[in-house]
């Protein structure tokens, strides 16, 4: 049996608000300061170069906690480094 329910819209659930996001510009500056390439960091962290490149471009503003920790460890940075405050998204 087919039931006509009219026009329905499907929306994605809103992502939870995260107070901090990864600062890709600081990440890029840190790599340049140390003279490292993405491939060098990939070897140090065991992460994929394409994944790190997405973080570097800003396409992944919220990398997984394990990824973030691997980057901090490889660059010998303190916890909380490379993070900036997020601004809440405007309500639709």
C-alpha atoms as a PDB file:
ATOM      1  CA  UNK A   1       0.000   0.000   0.000  1.00  0.00           C
ATOM      2  CA  UNK A   2       1.296   3.380  -0.961  1.00  0.00           C
ATOM      3  CA  UNK A   3       0.439   6.442   1.112  1.00  0.00           C
ATOM      4  CA  UNK A   4       0.868   9.970  -0.119  1.00  0.00           C
ATOM      5  CA  UNK A   5       2.434  11.958   2.720  1.00  0.00           C
ATOM      6  CA  UNK A   6       2.975  15.140   0.783  1.00  0.00           C
ATOM      7  CA  UNK A   7       6.223  17.002   0.441  1.00  0.00           C
ATOM      8  CA  UNK A   8       8.788  15.889   2.997  1.00  0.00           C
ATOM      9  CA  UNK A   9      12.176  17.369   3.596  1.00  0.00           C
ATOM     10  CA  UNK A  10      15.027  15.458   5.076  1.00  0.00           C
ATOM     11  CA  UNK A  11      17.641  17.438   6.896  1.00  0.00           C
ATOM     12  CA  UNK A  12      20.785  16.346   8.583  1.00  0.00           C
ATOM     13  CA  UNK A  13      20.838  16.637  12.344  1.00  0.00           C
ATOM     14  CA  UNK A  14      22.833  19.599  13.563  1.00  0.00           C
ATOM     15  CA  UNK A  15      26.322  18.801  14.680  1.00  0.00           C
ATOM     16  CA  UNK A  16      26.998  19.457  18.350  1.00  0.00           C
ATOM     17  CA  UNK A  17      28.672  22.749  19.175  1.00  0.00           C
ATOM     18  CA  UNK A  18      32.395  22.324  19.686  1.00  0.00           C
ATOM     19  CA  UNK A  19      34.068  25.171  21.554  1.00  0.00           C
ATOM     20  CA  UNK A  20      37.422  24.681  19.817  1.00  0.00           C
ATOM     21  CA  UNK A  21      38.504  23.852  16.294  1.00  0.00           C
ATOM     22  CA  UNK A  22      41.864  22.946  14.780  1.00  0.00           C
ATOM     23  CA  UNK A  23      43.811  26.005  13.629  1.00  0.00           C
ATOM     24  CA  UNK A  24      45.053  24.950  10.196  1.00  0.00           C
ATOM     25  CA  UNK A  25      46.925  28.230   9.632  1.00  0.00           C
ATOM     26  CA  UNK A  26      48.958  27.737  12.822  1.00  0.00           C
ATOM     27  CA  UNK A  27      49.540  24.124  11.776  1.00  0.00           C
ATOM     28  CA  UNK A  28      50.860  25.244   8.391  1.00  0.00           C
ATOM     29  CA  UNK A  29      53.077  27.883  10.031  1.00  0.00           C
ATOM     30  CA  UNK A  30      54.469  25.300  12.464  1.00  0.00           C
ATOM     31  CA  UNK A  31      55.339  22.924   9.636  1.00  0.00           C
ATOM     32  CA  UNK A  32      57.034  25.729   7.686  1.00  0.00           C
ATOM     33  CA  UNK A  33      58.929  26.891  10.788  1.00  0.00           C
ATOM     34  CA  UNK A  34      60.288  23.380  11.254  1.00  0.00           C
ATOM     35  CA  UNK A  35      60.943  22.839   7.546  1.00  0.00           C
ATOM     36  CA  UNK A  36      58.685  19.769   7.434  1.00  0.00           C
ATOM     37  CA  UNK A  37      56.623  18.458   4.542  1.00  0.00           C
ATOM     38  CA  UNK A  38      53.335  16.593   4.909  1.00  0.00           C
ATOM     39  CA  UNK A  39      55.128  13.364   3.941  1.00  0.00           C
ATOM     40  CA  UNK A  40      57.620  13.884   6.801  1.00  0.00           C
ATOM     41  CA  UNK A  41      54.816  14.389   9.288  1.00  0.00           C
ATOM     42  CA  UNK A  42      52.948  11.363   7.906  1.00  0.00           C
ATOM     43  CA  UNK A  43      56.011   9.208   8.629  1.00  0.00           C
ATOM     44  CA  UNK A  44      56.335  10.607  12.156  1.00  0.00           C
ATOM     45  CA  UNK A  45      52.670  10.181  13.028  1.00  0.00           C
ATOM     46  CA  UNK A  46      51.748   7.054  11.103  1.00  0.00           C
ATOM     47  CA  UNK A  47      48.828   8.965   9.579  1.00  0.00           C
ATOM     48  CA  UNK A  48      48.086   9.225   5.882  1.00  0.00           C
ATOM     49  CA  UNK A  49      49.517  12.137   3.927  1.00  0.00           C
ATOM     50  CA  UNK A  50      46.157  12.844   2.191  1.00  0.00           C
ATOM     51  CA  UNK A  51      44.397  12.983   5.571  1.00  0.00           C
ATOM     52  CA  UNK A  52      46.996  15.371   6.964  1.00  0.00           C
ATOM     53  CA  UNK A  53      46.735  17.482   3.823  1.00  0.00           C
ATOM     54  CA  UNK A  54      42.968  17.837   4.357  1.00  0.00           C
ATOM     55  CA  UNK A  55      43.639  19.074   7.894  1.00  0.00           C
ATOM     56  CA  UNK A  56      46.306  21.469   6.579  1.00  0.00           C
ATOM     57  CA  UNK A  57      43.870  22.929   4.009  1.00  0.00           C
ATOM     58  CA  UNK A  58      41.181  23.416   6.655  1.00  0.00           C
ATOM     59  CA  UNK A  59      38.851  20.823   5.140  1.00  0.00           C
ATOM     60  CA  UNK A  60      38.868  18.931   8.460  1.00  0.00           C
ATOM     61  CA  UNK A  61      38.416  21.543  11.229  1.00  0.00           C
ATOM     62  CA  UNK A  62      37.651  18.855  13.830  1.00  0.00           C
ATOM     63  CA  UNK A  63      40.116  15.979  13.439  1.00  0.00           C
ATOM     64  CA  UNK A  64      39.729  12.947  15.676  1.00  0.00           C
ATOM     65  CA  UNK A  65      41.295  13.154  19.119  1.00  0.00           C
ATOM     66  CA  UNK A  66      43.806  10.421  18.208  1.00  0.00           C
ATOM     67  CA  UNK A  67      44.851  12.330  15.110  1.00  0.00           C
ATOM     68  CA  UNK A  68      45.245  15.556  17.072  1.00  0.00           C
ATOM     69  CA  UNK A  69      47.349  13.815  19.739  1.00  0.00           C
ATOM     70  CA  UNK A  70      49.544  12.170  17.098  1.00  0.00           C
ATOM     71  CA  UNK A  71      50.231  15.561  15.511  1.00  0.00           C
ATOM     72  CA  UNK A  72      51.045  17.149  18.870  1.00  0.00           C
ATOM     73  CA  UNK A  73      53.369  14.302  19.798  1.00  0.00           C
ATOM     74  CA  UNK A  74      55.173  14.373  16.444  1.00  0.00           C
ATOM     75  CA  UNK A  75      55.679  18.137  16.660  1.00  0.00           C
ATOM     76  CA  UNK A  76      56.462  18.037  20.405  1.00  0.00           C
ATOM     77  CA  UNK A  77      53.739  20.560  21.223  1.00  0.00           C
ATOM     78  CA  UNK A  78      51.715  21.000  24.410  1.00  0.00           C
ATOM     79  CA  UNK A  79      48.112  19.886  24.702  1.00  0.00           C
ATOM     80  CA  UNK A  80      45.821  22.666  23.492  1.00  0.00           C
ATOM     81  CA  UNK A  81      48.293  23.916  20.914  1.00  0.00           C
ATOM     82  CA  UNK A  82      46.908  24.406  17.400  1.00  0.00           C
ATOM     83  CA  UNK A  83      43.368  25.019  18.698  1.00  0.00           C
ATOM     84  CA  UNK A  84      41.304  28.180  18.422  1.00  0.00           C
ATOM     85  CA  UNK A  85      37.867  29.063  19.712  1.00  0.00           C
ATOM     86  CA  UNK A  86      34.953  28.205  17.472  1.00  0.00           C
ATOM     87  CA  UNK A  87      32.101  30.544  16.805  1.00  0.00           C
ATOM     88  CA  UNK A  88      28.643  28.994  17.128  1.00  0.00           C
ATOM     89  CA  UNK A  89      26.868  28.470  13.836  1.00  0.00           C
ATOM     90  CA  UNK A  90      23.904  30.701  13.184  1.00  0.00           C
ATOM     91  CA  UNK A  91      20.527  29.089  13.736  1.00  0.00           C
ATOM     92  CA  UNK A  92      18.667  28.279  10.527  1.00  0.00           C
END
